[in-house]
Amino acid sequence: MSTGYEKKSSVADRLADQWAAVKMPVFAFLIGAVVGPLFSNYMGWQVTHSRAERESHESAVNQQAMICAFNARSENDKAATLGWSERRALADKYAVMPGRDAADSGVASACSDLLAKPV
């Protein structure tokens, strides 16, 4: 004889059914959470702290080298015809930026390279 109320499944059966329904999305999320950052970093789509600092430094050196080359050409308009040591001395002279005591070697080198190119 039936009581009219029969327990169709136990709690464990219901949880197993719910887990089966969400298992694939959960695994897809976990795999994406691990593989996504690794792949995007490998492809170069992420900007790391060291890369940002390096690019910022290179940009500042290029800007200062252009200022140095402009100032050096105002003293010697034929800087491209000078020898390497004369260009380097001229670049060292103008590579000292306002507020600094000495020239940055990267700025002086980039300035000397810019002076080697004819205007």
Protein backbone atom coordinates (compact mmCIF):
# COMPACT_ATOMS: atom_id res chain seq x y z
CA MET A 1 0.00 0.00 0.00
CA SER A 2 1.25 3.44 -0.97
CA THR A 3 1.19 6.40 1.38
CA GLY A 4 0.93 8.97 -1.41
CA TYR A 5 4.25 10.45 -0.52
CA GLU A 6 7.20 8.56 -1.74
CA LYS A 7 10.69 9.89 -1.52
CA LYS A 8 11.85 9.86 -5.12
CA SER A 9 15.54 10.26 -4.38
CA SER A 10 17.91 10.75 -1.56
CA VAL A 11 19.89 13.90 -0.88
CA ALA A 12 23.00 12.30 -2.34
CA ASP A 13 21.14 11.52 -5.57
CA ARG A 14 19.93 15.12 -5.88
CA LEU A 15 23.43 16.48 -5.27
CA ALA A 16 24.86 14.09 -7.85
CA ASP A 17 22.30 15.31 -10.40
CA GLN A 18 23.10 18.96 -9.63
CA TRP A 19 26.86 18.28 -9.86
CA ALA A 20 26.40 16.58 -13.23
CA ALA A 21 24.60 19.68 -14.48
CA VAL A 22 27.34 22.14 -13.43
CA LYS A 23 30.44 19.96 -13.77
CA MET A 24 31.43 21.03 -17.31
CA PRO A 25 31.08 24.80 -16.74
CA VAL A 26 33.06 24.55 -13.49
CA PHE A 27 35.89 22.62 -15.15
CA ALA A 28 35.88 25.00 -18.13
CA PHE A 29 36.14 27.98 -15.77
CA LEU A 30 38.99 26.43 -13.79
CA ILE A 31 40.95 25.51 -16.93
CA GLY A 32 40.39 28.99 -18.37
CA ALA A 33 41.47 30.62 -15.12
CA VAL A 34 44.79 28.76 -15.28
CA VAL A 35 45.49 28.61 -19.02
CA GLY A 36 44.14 32.07 -19.95
CA PRO A 37 46.76 34.18 -18.17
CA LEU A 38 49.59 31.86 -19.22
CA PHE A 39 48.54 32.04 -22.88
CA SER A 40 47.96 35.81 -22.91
CA ASN A 41 51.34 36.40 -21.26
CA TYR A 42 53.04 34.11 -23.80
CA MET A 43 51.39 35.99 -26.68
CA GLY A 44 52.55 39.32 -25.24
CA TRP A 45 49.08 40.66 -24.55
CA GLN A 46 49.87 41.39 -20.91
CA VAL A 47 52.03 44.28 -19.82
CA THR A 48 54.22 43.14 -16.97
CA HIS A 49 55.74 45.55 -14.48
CA SER A 50 59.28 45.09 -15.81
CA ARG A 51 58.15 45.55 -19.42
CA ALA A 52 56.30 48.76 -18.53
CA GLU A 53 59.37 50.12 -16.71
CA ARG A 54 61.67 49.19 -19.60
CA GLU A 55 59.43 50.85 -22.19
CA SER A 56 59.01 53.93 -20.03
CA HIS A 57 62.79 54.23 -19.58
CA GLU A 58 63.41 53.77 -23.32
CA SER A 59 60.85 56.46 -24.10
CA ALA A 60 62.45 58.90 -21.65
CA VAL A 61 65.92 58.19 -23.07
CA ASN A 62 64.67 58.78 -26.62
CA GLN A 63 63.03 62.07 -25.65
CA GLN A 64 66.14 63.29 -23.85
CA ALA A 65 68.36 62.18 -26.76
CA MET A 66 66.28 64.26 -29.19
CA ILE A 67 66.68 67.30 -26.94
CA CYS A 68 70.41 66.63 -26.69
CA ALA A 69 70.78 66.27 -30.47
CA PHE A 70 68.83 69.48 -31.11
CA ASN A 71 71.01 71.43 -28.67
CA ALA A 72 74.22 69.89 -30.01
CA ARG A 73 73.29 70.73 -33.62
CA SER A 74 72.68 74.33 -32.58
CA GLU A 75 76.38 74.49 -31.63
CA ASN A 76 77.72 72.44 -34.55
CA ASP A 77 75.44 72.11 -37.57
CA LYS A 78 77.83 69.66 -39.24
CA ALA A 79 77.77 67.12 -36.41
CA ALA A 80 77.18 64.25 -38.85
CA THR A 81 80.60 64.83 -40.41
CA LEU A 82 82.43 64.63 -37.09
CA GLY A 83 84.29 61.50 -36.03
CA TRP A 84 82.92 59.16 -33.41
CA SER A 85 84.92 60.60 -30.51
CA GLU A 86 84.02 64.21 -31.40
CA ARG A 87 80.32 63.31 -31.71
CA ARG A 88 80.48 61.47 -28.40
CA ALA A 89 82.14 64.44 -26.67
CA LEU A 90 79.49 66.77 -28.09
CA ALA A 91 76.74 64.37 -27.00
CA ASP A 92 78.24 64.07 -23.49
CA LYS A 93 78.24 67.85 -23.21
CA TYR A 94 74.54 68.23 -24.08
CA ALA A 95 73.22 64.99 -22.58
CA VAL A 96 73.21 66.51 -19.09
CA MET A 97 69.58 67.34 -18.47
CA PRO A 98 68.46 70.23 -16.26
CA GLY A 99 68.49 69.29 -12.60
CA ARG A 100 71.10 66.57 -13.06
CA ASP A 101 74.81 66.62 -12.33
CA ALA A 102 75.91 64.05 -14.89
CA ALA A 103 74.71 62.68 -18.20
CA ASP A 104 72.94 59.35 -18.47
CA SER A 105 75.11 57.06 -20.60
CA GLY A 106 72.06 55.82 -22.52
CA VAL A 107 71.06 59.37 -23.39
CA ALA A 108 74.59 60.25 -24.51
CA SER A 109 74.82 57.12 -26.65
CA ALA A 110 71.42 57.70 -28.27
CA CYS A 111 72.28 61.37 -28.81
CA SER A 112 75.55 60.42 -30.49
CA ASP A 113 73.65 58.02 -32.76
CA LEU A 114 71.19 60.79 -33.68
CA LEU A 115 74.05 63.18 -34.40
CA ALA A 116 75.58 60.66 -36.79
CA LYS A 117 72.50 60.89 -39.02
CA PRO A 118 72.42 63.87 -41.39
CA VAL A 119 69.55 66.30 -40.89
